[in-house]
Amino acid sequence: MPDNLTSDAPDFPALRYRAANLRRHMLTMARGQGSGYIGQGLGIADLLAALYFHELRYDPDDVSWPGRDRFLLSTGHYSIALWAALAEAGVLPVAELPTYGADGSRLAMSTLDTTPGVEIIGGSLGHGLGQGVGQALGLRLDGSPARVFVELSDGEMQEGSTWEAAMSGAHFKLENLIALIDCNGIQADGAIVLDIEPVAEKWRAFGWETQEIDGNDIAAIVAALSAARAPVGKPKAIVLRTLPGKGVPTIESREKAHFVRVDADEWDALITEFESLAEKTDG
């Protein structure tokens, strides 16, 4: 039995420290490759810190432990953030992170379920929530208390399969299913094309217990995850408004794009900028 079971006493300074480490790992990975989905990764670091170091029940020494909570990263191109979280949690070696995106590496730019700690193949958008519904239903039928957390994106809400899964989750009253909807306002070619607002109201209309929060506020994330533990007879949705590039002002201020361009001669300045702000936050 792992010793990192869901906590009722959040240590916010420790969680913020973890989030900073996740961003630090991501900058290292992206610098080594010269590219990567760094904007989305930096934006979701606070959520992953709260999940892996406060909310999820899992065993870093046994990623197939049957009693584990499942975390499904539907947006597989966010893998840079997942690799950072899995390394920080002890599932993957930190020393392996510089291989991100390299030929033969386990740390691809989109997730594969052959990598320890990965529950589904992600990247073909619109598939994650449906798999989450199936897993949550299966766990309930097995009498398991494990929960299924599915990260998906606002861009992914343009996929019809997402709404088919949302209807199924509500129909089966899967209160062990939690959707984590990263609303960062971007998709492959820039800003979201379709008008998907109001996001939270849509999920409520589909029968989900829904909260909407600042996705870069760790205290708000922890509170929302805690509220999502309640047995309400329906699936839960947390709409997270996140900022691409969070933690590195230069990246935050750039045009919001699926793939942020960072030139080779910029990395030293970006990392110095991040470390300066991280030090102030820690202090």
C-alpha atoms as a PDB file:
ATOM      1  CA  MET A   1       0.000   0.000   0.000  1.00  0.00           C
ATOM      2  CA  PRO A   2       1.538   3.358  -0.979  1.00  0.00           C
ATOM      3  CA  ASP A   3       2.007   6.060   1.633  1.00  0.00           C
ATOM      4  CA  ASN A   4       0.897   8.993  -0.534  1.00  0.00           C
ATOM      5  CA  LEU A   5      -2.858   8.599  -0.154  1.00  0.00           C
ATOM      6  CA  THR A   6      -5.135  11.584  -0.689  1.00  0.00           C
ATOM      7  CA  SER A   7      -4.501  14.243   1.939  1.00  0.00           C
ATOM      8  CA  ASP A   8      -6.929  16.384   3.898  1.00  0.00           C
ATOM      9  CA  ALA A   9      -4.189  18.785   5.006  1.00  0.00           C
ATOM     10  CA  PRO A  10      -2.686  20.568   2.000  1.00  0.00           C
ATOM     11  CA  ASP A  11       0.845  21.900   2.368  1.00  0.00           C
ATOM     12  CA  PHE A  12       0.598  24.839  -0.008  1.00  0.00           C
ATOM     13  CA  PRO A  13       4.261  25.937   0.142  1.00  0.00           C
ATOM     14  CA  ALA A  14       5.298  22.357  -0.681  1.00  0.00           C
ATOM     15  CA  LEU A  15       2.814  22.161  -3.560  1.00  0.00           C
ATOM     16  CA  ARG A  16       4.032  25.466  -4.985  1.00  0.00           C
ATOM     17  CA  TYR A  17       7.590  24.179  -4.705  1.00  0.00           C
ATOM     18  CA  ARG A  18       6.563  21.057  -6.624  1.00  0.00           C
ATOM     19  CA  ALA A  19       4.886  23.166  -9.323  1.00  0.00           C
ATOM     20  CA  ALA A  20       8.078  25.210  -9.689  1.00  0.00           C
ATOM     21  CA  ASN A  21      10.082  22.002 -10.027  1.00  0.00           C
ATOM     22  CA  LEU A  22       7.716  20.761 -12.726  1.00  0.00           C
ATOM     23  CA  ARG A  23       8.257  23.977 -14.671  1.00  0.00           C
ATOM     24  CA  ARG A  24      12.014  23.669 -14.113  1.00  0.00           C
ATOM     25  CA  HIS A  25      11.961  20.124 -15.520  1.00  0.00           C
ATOM     26  CA  MET A  26       9.929  21.263 -18.532  1.00  0.00           C
ATOM     27  CA  LEU A  27      12.304  24.080 -19.374  1.00  0.00           C
ATOM     28  CA  THR A  28      15.185  21.611 -19.224  1.00  0.00           C
ATOM     29  CA  MET A  29      13.388  19.211 -21.555  1.00  0.00           C
ATOM     30  CA  ALA A  30      12.346  21.839 -24.069  1.00  0.00           C
ATOM     31  CA  ARG A  31      15.794  23.408 -24.104  1.00  0.00           C
ATOM     32  CA  GLY A  32      17.429  20.067 -24.848  1.00  0.00           C
ATOM     33  CA  GLN A  33      15.107  19.419 -27.780  1.00  0.00           C
ATOM     34  CA  GLY A  34      15.017  23.045 -28.886  1.00  0.00           C
ATOM     35  CA  SER A  35      11.233  22.887 -29.014  1.00  0.00           C
ATOM     36  CA  GLY A  36       8.210  21.360 -27.367  1.00  0.00           C
ATOM     37  CA  TYR A  37       4.712  22.191 -26.202  1.00  0.00           C
ATOM     38  CA  ILE A  38       6.143  24.324 -23.449  1.00  0.00           C
ATOM     39  CA  GLY A  39       3.278  26.853 -23.306  1.00  0.00           C
ATOM     40  CA  GLN A  40       0.646  24.242 -22.462  1.00  0.00           C
ATOM     41  CA  GLY A  41       2.994  22.410 -20.112  1.00  0.00           C
ATOM     42  CA  LEU A  42       3.838  25.470 -18.056  1.00  0.00           C
ATOM     43  CA  GLY A  43       0.144  26.333 -17.921  1.00  0.00           C
ATOM     44  CA  ILE A  44      -0.910  23.027 -16.417  1.00  0.00           C
ATOM     45  CA  ALA A  45       1.947  22.604 -13.915  1.00  0.00           C
ATOM     46  CA  ASP A  46      -0.126  23.785 -10.938  1.00  0.00           C
ATOM     47  CA  LEU A  47      -2.838  21.212 -11.623  1.00  0.00           C
ATOM     48  CA  LEU A  48      -0.348  18.362 -11.920  1.00  0.00           C
ATOM     49  CA  ALA A  49       1.416  19.418  -8.721  1.00  0.00           C
ATOM     50  CA  ALA A  50      -1.902  19.362  -6.838  1.00  0.00           C
ATOM     51  CA  LEU A  51      -2.851  16.018  -8.368  1.00  0.00           C
ATOM     52  CA  TYR A  52       0.373  14.071  -7.926  1.00  0.00           C
ATOM     53  CA  PHE A  53       1.407  15.491  -4.566  1.00  0.00           C
ATOM     54  CA  HIS A  54      -1.930  15.936  -2.832  1.00  0.00           C
ATOM     55  CA  GLU A  55      -4.910  14.223  -4.462  1.00  0.00           C
ATOM     56  CA  LEU A  56      -4.052  11.067  -6.397  1.00  0.00           C
ATOM     57  CA  ARG A  57      -3.741   7.651  -4.792  1.00  0.00           C
ATOM     58  CA  TYR A  58      -0.941   5.856  -6.628  1.00  0.00           C
ATOM     59  CA  ASP A  59       2.228   3.878  -5.978  1.00  0.00           C
ATOM     60  CA  PRO A  60       5.347   5.162  -7.783  1.00  0.00           C
ATOM     61  CA  ASP A  61       6.958   1.749  -7.256  1.00  0.00           C
ATOM     62  CA  ASP A  62       4.011  -0.137  -8.749  1.00  0.00           C
ATOM     63  CA  VAL A  63       2.312   1.811 -11.535  1.00  0.00           C
ATOM     64  CA  SER A  64      -0.093  -1.103 -12.101  1.00  0.00           C
ATOM     65  CA  TRP A  65      -1.341  -1.190  -8.487  1.00  0.00           C
ATOM     66  CA  PRO A  66      -5.067  -2.059  -8.911  1.00  0.00           C
ATOM     67  CA  GLY A  67      -6.230   0.380  -6.232  1.00  0.00           C
ATOM     68  CA  ARG A  68      -4.620   3.399  -7.873  1.00  0.00           C
ATOM     69  CA  ASP A  69      -6.503   6.442  -9.072  1.00  0.00           C
ATOM     70  CA  ARG A  70      -6.141   6.796 -12.824  1.00  0.00           C
ATOM     71  CA  PHE A  71      -4.952  10.007 -14.477  1.00  0.00           C
ATOM     72  CA  LEU A  72      -5.679  10.132 -18.200  1.00  0.00           C
ATOM     73  CA  LEU A  73      -3.935  12.828 -20.239  1.00  0.00           C
ATOM     74  CA  SER A  74      -6.192  13.144 -23.268  1.00  0.00           C
ATOM     75  CA  THR A  75      -4.116  15.974 -24.745  1.00  0.00           C
ATOM     76  CA  GLY A  76      -1.104  13.761 -25.370  1.00  0.00           C
ATOM     77  CA  HIS A  77       0.947  16.672 -26.713  1.00  0.00           C
ATOM     78  CA  TYR A  78       1.069  17.932 -23.100  1.00  0.00           C
ATOM     79  CA  SER A  79       3.407  14.996 -22.426  1.00  0.00           C
ATOM     80  CA  ILE A  80       6.212  17.370 -21.447  1.00  0.00           C
ATOM     81  CA  ALA A  81       4.184  18.208 -18.326  1.00  0.00           C
ATOM     82  CA  LEU A  82       3.336  14.581 -17.558  1.00  0.00           C
ATOM     83  CA  TRP A  83       6.985  13.500 -17.867  1.00  0.00           C
ATOM     84  CA  ALA A  84       7.922  16.272 -15.451  1.00  0.00           C
ATOM     85  CA  ALA A  85       5.266  15.138 -12.949  1.00  0.00           C
ATOM     86  CA  LEU A  86       6.171  11.456 -13.218  1.00  0.00           C
ATOM     87  CA  ALA A  87       9.857  12.240 -12.724  1.00  0.00           C
ATOM     88  CA  GLU A  88       9.151  14.501  -9.751  1.00  0.00           C
ATOM     89  CA  ALA A  89       6.952  11.745  -8.278  1.00  0.00           C
ATOM     90  CA  GLY A  90       9.663   9.105  -8.643  1.00  0.00           C
ATOM     91  CA  VAL A  91       7.977   7.063 -11.380  1.00  0.00           C
ATOM     92  CA  LEU A  92      10.591   8.055 -13.979  1.00  0.00           C
ATOM     93  CA  PRO A  93      14.260   8.932 -13.386  1.00  0.00           C
ATOM     94  CA  VAL A  94      14.919  12.676 -13.462  1.00  0.00           C
ATOM     95  CA  ALA A  95      18.105  11.855 -15.361  1.00  0.00           C
ATOM     96  CA  GLU A  96      15.976  10.573 -18.252  1.00  0.00           C
ATOM     97  CA  LEU A  97      14.212  13.910 -18.847  1.00  0.00           C
ATOM     98  CA  PRO A  98      16.860  15.334 -21.234  1.00  0.00           C
ATOM     99  CA  THR A  99      15.963  12.547 -23.690  1.00  0.00           C
ATOM    100  CA  TYR A 100      12.542  14.175 -24.274  1.00  0.00           C
ATOM    101  CA  GLY A 101      11.623  13.974 -27.965  1.00  0.00           C
ATOM    102  CA  ALA A 102      14.830  12.187 -28.961  1.00  0.00           C
ATOM    103  CA  ASP A 103      14.926   9.113 -31.190  1.00  0.00           C
ATOM    104  CA  GLY A 104      14.448   5.980 -29.113  1.00  0.00           C
ATOM    105  CA  SER A 105      13.392   7.844 -25.977  1.00  0.00           C
ATOM    106  CA  ARG A 106      10.479   6.699 -23.831  1.00  0.00           C
ATOM    107  CA  LEU A 107       9.583  10.375 -23.425  1.00  0.00           C
ATOM    108  CA  ALA A 108       7.936  11.175 -26.732  1.00  0.00           C
ATOM    109  CA  MET A 109       6.289  14.494 -27.594  1.00  0.00           C
ATOM    110  CA  SER A 110       2.935  12.726 -27.345  1.00  0.00           C
ATOM    111  CA  THR A 111       2.153  10.031 -24.810  1.00  0.00           C
ATOM    112  CA  LEU A 112       2.428   6.297 -25.359  1.00  0.00           C
ATOM    113  CA  ASP A 113       1.125   3.791 -22.841  1.00  0.00           C
ATOM    114  CA  THR A 114       4.398   1.872 -22.964  1.00  0.00           C
ATOM    115  CA  THR A 115       5.920   4.541 -20.698  1.00  0.00           C
ATOM    116  CA  PRO A 116       5.522   3.841 -16.951  1.00  0.00           C
ATOM    117  CA  GLY A 117       2.733   5.878 -15.367  1.00  0.00           C
ATOM    118  CA  VAL A 118       0.840   6.493 -18.618  1.00  0.00           C
ATOM    119  CA  GLU A 119      -2.711   5.131 -18.663  1.00  0.00           C
ATOM    120  CA  ILE A 120      -3.741   5.830 -22.281  1.00  0.00           C
ATOM    121  CA  ILE A 121      -2.246   6.813 -25.604  1.00  0.00           C
ATOM    122  CA  GLY A 122      -3.031  10.501 -25.980  1.00  0.00           C
ATOM    123  CA  GLY A 123      -2.824  13.013 -28.773  1.00  0.00           C
ATOM    124  CA  SER A 124      -5.643  12.005 -31.097  1.00  0.00           C
ATOM    125  CA  LEU A 125      -7.982  14.468 -29.480  1.00  0.00           C
ATOM    126  CA  GLY A 126     -11.500  13.602 -28.420  1.00  0.00           C
ATOM    127  CA  HIS A 127     -10.702  10.086 -27.198  1.00  0.00           C
ATOM    128  CA  GLY A 128      -9.660  10.575 -23.586  1.00  0.00           C
ATOM    129  CA  LEU A 129     -13.010  11.200 -21.940  1.00  0.00           C
ATOM    130  CA  GLY A 130     -14.614   8.194 -23.627  1.00  0.00           C
ATOM    131  CA  GLN A 131     -11.840   5.965 -22.307  1.00  0.00           C
ATOM    132  CA  GLY A 132     -12.310   7.558 -18.904  1.00  0.00           C
ATOM    133  CA  VAL A 133     -16.005   6.678 -18.960  1.00  0.00           C
ATOM    134  CA  GLY A 134     -15.170   3.068 -19.750  1.00  0.00           C
ATOM    135  CA  GLN A 135     -12.554   2.847 -17.017  1.00  0.00           C
ATOM    136  CA  ALA A 136     -14.783   4.500 -14.410  1.00  0.00           C
ATOM    137  CA  LEU A 137     -17.651   2.167 -15.255  1.00  0.00           C
ATOM    138  CA  GLY A 138     -15.372  -0.867 -15.104  1.00  0.00           C
ATOM    139  CA  LEU A 139     -13.948   0.170 -11.738  1.00  0.00           C
ATOM    140  CA  ARG A 140     -17.437   0.639 -10.338  1.00  0.00           C
ATOM    141  CA  LEU A 141     -18.512  -2.778 -11.582  1.00  0.00           C
ATOM    142  CA  ASP A 142     -15.430  -4.246  -9.856  1.00  0.00           C
ATOM    143  CA  GLY A 143     -16.369  -2.527  -6.594  1.00  0.00           C
ATOM    144  CA  SER A 144     -13.140  -0.499  -6.641  1.00  0.00           C
ATOM    145  CA  PRO A 145     -12.950   2.853  -4.824  1.00  0.00           C
ATOM    146  CA  ALA A 146     -10.435   4.138  -7.394  1.00  0.00           C
ATOM    147  CA  ARG A 147     -11.256   7.312  -9.267  1.00  0.00           C
ATOM    148  CA  VAL A 148     -10.570   8.340 -12.861  1.00  0.00           C
ATOM    149  CA  PHE A 149      -9.307  11.853 -13.576  1.00  0.00           C
ATOM    150  CA  VAL A 150      -9.387  12.861 -17.235  1.00  0.00           C
ATOM    151  CA  GLU A 151      -7.558  15.969 -18.426  1.00  0.00           C
ATOM    152  CA  LEU A 152      -8.970  17.391 -21.644  1.00  0.00           C
ATOM    153  CA  SER A 153      -8.877  20.780 -23.314  1.00  0.00           C
ATOM    154  CA  ASP A 154     -11.155  23.515 -24.515  1.00  0.00           C
ATOM    155  CA  GLY A 155     -10.017  22.846 -28.079  1.00  0.00           C
ATOM    156  CA  GLU A 156     -10.993  19.217 -27.581  1.00  0.00           C
ATOM    157  CA  MET A 157     -14.525  20.300 -26.770  1.00  0.00           C
ATOM    158  CA  GLN A 158     -14.923  20.874 -30.508  1.00  0.00           C
ATOM    159  CA  GLU A 159     -14.850  17.084 -30.963  1.00  0.00           C
ATOM    160  CA  GLY A 160     -18.270  15.418 -31.018  1.00  0.00           C
ATOM    161  CA  SER A 161     -16.918  12.330 -29.267  1.00  0.00           C
ATOM    162  CA  THR A 162     -16.223  14.457 -26.190  1.00  0.00           C
ATOM    163  CA  TRP A 163     -19.928  15.232 -25.842  1.00  0.00           C
ATOM    164  CA  GLU A 164     -20.953  11.623 -26.494  1.00  0.00           C
ATOM    165  CA  ALA A 165     -18.700  10.656 -23.594  1.00  0.00           C
ATOM    166  CA  ALA A 166     -20.085  13.481 -21.442  1.00  0.00           C
ATOM    167  CA  MET A 167     -23.620  12.193 -21.997  1.00  0.00           C
ATOM    168  CA  SER A 168     -22.545   8.625 -21.186  1.00  0.00           C
ATOM    169  CA  GLY A 169     -20.797   9.654 -17.981  1.00  0.00           C
ATOM    170  CA  ALA A 170     -23.916  11.435 -16.775  1.00  0.00           C
ATOM    171  CA  HIS A 171     -26.215   8.604 -17.878  1.00  0.00           C
ATOM    172  CA  PHE A 172     -24.248   6.047 -15.857  1.00  0.00           C
ATOM    173  CA  LYS A 173     -23.969   8.454 -12.884  1.00  0.00           C
ATOM    174  CA  LEU A 174     -20.200   7.956 -12.698  1.00  0.00           C
ATOM    175  CA  GLU A 175     -19.341   9.897  -9.583  1.00  0.00           C
ATOM    176  CA  ASN A 176     -15.863   8.296  -9.664  1.00  0.00           C
ATOM    177  CA  LEU A 177     -15.123  10.222 -12.886  1.00  0.00           C
ATOM    178  CA  ILE A 178     -13.640  13.719 -12.763  1.00  0.00           C
ATOM    179  CA  ALA A 179     -13.053  15.768 -15.930  1.00  0.00           C
ATOM    180  CA  LEU A 180     -10.296  18.387 -15.694  1.00  0.00           C
ATOM    181  CA  ILE A 181     -10.930  20.816 -18.548  1.00  0.00           C
ATOM    182  CA  ASP A 182      -7.909  22.961 -19.396  1.00  0.00           C
ATOM    183  CA  CYS A 183      -9.245  26.159 -20.933  1.00  0.00           C
ATOM    184  CA  ASN A 184      -6.230  28.024 -22.289  1.00  0.00           C
ATOM    185  CA  GLY A 185      -7.905  29.503 -25.354  1.00  0.00           C
ATOM    186  CA  ILE A 186      -5.711  27.893 -28.017  1.00  0.00           C
ATOM    187  CA  GLN A 187      -5.775  25.082 -30.535  1.00  0.00           C
ATOM    188  CA  ALA A 188      -3.443  23.905 -33.296  1.00  0.00           C
ATOM    189  CA  ASP A 189      -3.515  27.049 -35.446  1.00  0.00           C
ATOM    190  CA  GLY A 190      -3.977  29.734 -32.805  1.00  0.00           C
ATOM    191  CA  ALA A 191      -7.092  30.833 -30.958  1.00  0.00           C
ATOM    192  CA  ILE A 192     -10.088  28.519 -30.484  1.00  0.00           C
ATOM    193  CA  VAL A 193     -12.116  28.541 -33.704  1.00  0.00           C
ATOM    194  CA  LEU A 194     -15.597  27.695 -32.448  1.00  0.00           C
ATOM    195  CA  ASP A 195     -17.427  29.687 -29.811  1.00  0.00           C
ATOM    196  CA  ILE A 196     -17.469  27.152 -26.980  1.00  0.00           C
ATOM    197  CA  GLU A 197     -18.500  29.475 -24.178  1.00  0.00           C
ATOM    198  CA  PRO A 198     -20.040  29.261 -21.676  1.00  0.00           C
ATOM    199  CA  VAL A 199     -17.997  26.155 -20.872  1.00  0.00           C
ATOM    200  CA  ALA A 200     -19.123  25.489 -17.292  1.00  0.00           C
ATOM    201  CA  GLU A 201     -22.792  25.920 -18.132  1.00  0.00           C
ATOM    202  CA  LYS A 202     -22.485  23.408 -20.948  1.00  0.00           C
ATOM    203  CA  TRP A 203     -21.097  20.751 -18.615  1.00  0.00           C
ATOM    204  CA  ARG A 204     -23.825  21.447 -16.083  1.00  0.00           C
ATOM    205  CA  ALA A 205     -26.413  21.096 -18.828  1.00  0.00           C
ATOM    206  CA  PHE A 206     -24.932  17.685 -19.671  1.00  0.00           C
ATOM    207  CA  GLY A 207     -25.519  16.554 -16.099  1.00  0.00           C
ATOM    208  CA  TRP A 208     -22.089  17.077 -14.514  1.00  0.00           C
ATOM    209  CA  GLU A 209     -21.422  18.612 -11.107  1.00  0.00           C
ATOM    210  CA  THR A 210     -19.297  21.527 -12.308  1.00  0.00           C
ATOM    211  CA  GLN A 211     -16.876  24.044 -10.825  1.00  0.00           C
ATOM    212  CA  GLU A 212     -14.944  26.798 -12.609  1.00  0.00           C
ATOM    213  CA  ILE A 213     -11.645  28.037 -11.164  1.00  0.00           C
ATOM    214  CA  ASP A 214      -8.356  29.789 -11.839  1.00  0.00           C
ATOM    215  CA  GLY A 215      -6.255  26.865 -13.029  1.00  0.00           C
ATOM    216  CA  ASN A 216      -3.030  28.530 -11.909  1.00  0.00           C
ATOM    217  CA  ASP A 217      -4.169  29.027  -8.310  1.00  0.00           C
ATOM    218  CA  ILE A 218      -3.051  25.962  -6.334  1.00  0.00           C
ATOM    219  CA  ALA A 219      -5.333  26.723  -3.388  1.00  0.00           C
ATOM    220  CA  ALA A 220      -8.325  26.926  -5.732  1.00  0.00           C
ATOM    221  CA  ILE A 221      -7.301  23.672  -7.421  1.00  0.00           C
ATOM    222  CA  VAL A 222      -6.937  21.832  -4.113  1.00  0.00           C
ATOM    223  CA  ALA A 223     -10.327  23.107  -2.943  1.00  0.00           C
ATOM    224  CA  ALA A 224     -11.999  22.041  -6.184  1.00  0.00           C
ATOM    225  CA  LEU A 225     -10.441  18.570  -6.038  1.00  0.00           C
ATOM    226  CA  SER A 226     -11.567  18.225  -2.433  1.00  0.00           C
ATOM    227  CA  ALA A 227     -15.120  19.213  -3.369  1.00  0.00           C
ATOM    228  CA  ALA A 228     -15.047  16.663  -6.205  1.00  0.00           C
ATOM    229  CA  ARG A 229     -14.666  13.845  -3.670  1.00  0.00           C
ATOM    230  CA  ALA A 230     -18.276  14.294  -2.542  1.00  0.00           C
ATOM    231  CA  PRO A 231     -20.708  11.477  -3.487  1.00  0.00           C
ATOM    232  CA  VAL A 232     -23.274  13.413  -5.516  1.00  0.00           C
ATOM    233  CA  GLY A 233     -24.505  10.680  -7.851  1.00  0.00           C
ATOM    234  CA  LYS A 234     -23.055  12.265 -10.988  1.00  0.00           C
ATOM    235  CA  PRO A 235     -19.670  12.822 -12.648  1.00  0.00           C
ATOM    236  CA  LYS A 236     -17.700  15.954 -11.773  1.00  0.00           C
ATOM    237  CA  ALA A 237     -16.133  18.584 -14.025  1.00  0.00           C
ATOM    238  CA  ILE A 238     -13.555  21.197 -13.052  1.00  0.00           C
ATOM    239  CA  VAL A 239     -13.094  23.970 -15.612  1.00  0.00           C
ATOM    240  CA  LEU A 240      -9.593  25.401 -15.212  1.00  0.00           C
ATOM    241  CA  ARG A 241      -8.716  28.740 -16.776  1.00  0.00           C
ATOM    242  CA  THR A 242      -4.968  28.527 -17.382  1.00  0.00           C
ATOM    243  CA  LEU A 243      -2.346  30.807 -18.911  1.00  0.00           C
ATOM    244  CA  PRO A 244      -0.014  29.256 -21.511  1.00  0.00           C
ATOM    245  CA  GLY A 245       3.586  29.831 -20.468  1.00  0.00           C
ATOM    246  CA  LYS A 246       2.673  30.464 -16.815  1.00  0.00           C
ATOM    247  CA  GLY A 247       5.744  31.232 -14.728  1.00  0.00           C
ATOM    248  CA  VAL A 248       7.862  32.639 -17.546  1.00  0.00           C
ATOM    249  CA  PRO A 249       6.576  36.155 -18.359  1.00  0.00           C
ATOM    250  CA  THR A 250       8.293  36.322 -21.754  1.00  0.00           C
ATOM    251  CA  ILE A 251       6.446  33.183 -22.877  1.00  0.00           C
ATOM    252  CA  GLU A 252       3.234  34.310 -21.170  1.00  0.00           C
ATOM    253  CA  SER A 253       3.270  37.515 -23.225  1.00  0.00           C
ATOM    254  CA  ARG A 254       3.909  35.928 -26.602  1.00  0.00           C
ATOM    255  CA  GLU A 255       1.173  35.268 -29.095  1.00  0.00           C
ATOM    256  CA  LYS A 256      -0.836  32.329 -27.809  1.00  0.00           C
ATOM    257  CA  ALA A 257       0.018  29.442 -30.083  1.00  0.00           C
ATOM    258  CA  HIS A 258      -0.023  25.664 -30.056  1.00  0.00           C
ATOM    259  CA  PHE A 259       3.752  25.509 -30.451  1.00  0.00           C
ATOM    260  CA  VAL A 260       5.730  28.411 -28.969  1.00  0.00           C
ATOM    261  CA  ARG A 261       8.906  29.282 -30.851  1.00  0.00           C
ATOM    262  CA  VAL A 262      11.977  29.727 -28.638  1.00  0.00           C
ATOM    263  CA  ASP A 263      15.277  30.479 -30.376  1.00  0.00           C
ATOM    264  CA  ALA A 264      18.477  28.794 -29.190  1.00  0.00           C
ATOM    265  CA  ASP A 265      19.966  32.029 -27.893  1.00  0.00           C
ATOM    266  CA  GLU A 266      16.894  32.765 -25.712  1.00  0.00           C
ATOM    267  CA  TRP A 267      17.026  29.865 -23.279  1.00  0.00           C
ATOM    268  CA  ASP A 268      19.527  31.300 -20.791  1.00  0.00           C
ATOM    269  CA  ALA A 269      17.470  34.472 -20.386  1.00  0.00           C
ATOM    270  CA  LEU A 270      14.179  32.563 -20.068  1.00  0.00           C
ATOM    271  CA  ILE A 271      15.544  30.220 -17.413  1.00  0.00           C
ATOM    272  CA  THR A 272      17.081  33.121 -15.486  1.00  0.00           C
ATOM    273  CA  GLU A 273      13.726  34.915 -15.655  1.00  0.00           C
ATOM    274  CA  PHE A 274      11.915  31.844 -14.352  1.00  0.00           C
ATOM    275  CA  GLU A 275      14.390  31.208 -11.535  1.00  0.00           C
ATOM    276  CA  SER A 276      14.220  34.838 -10.395  1.00  0.00           C
ATOM    277  CA  LEU A 277      10.441  34.686 -10.082  1.00  0.00           C
ATOM    278  CA  ALA A 278      10.485  31.199  -8.522  1.00  0.00           C
ATOM    279  CA  GLU A 279      12.904  32.425  -5.841  1.00  0.00           C
ATOM    280  CA  LYS A 280      10.621  35.335  -4.981  1.00  0.00           C
ATOM    281  CA  THR A 281       7.636  32.991  -4.754  1.00  0.00           C
ATOM    282  CA  ASP A 282       9.499  30.549  -2.526  1.00  0.00           C
ATOM    283  CA  GLY A 283      10.544  33.401  -0.284  1.00  0.00           C
END
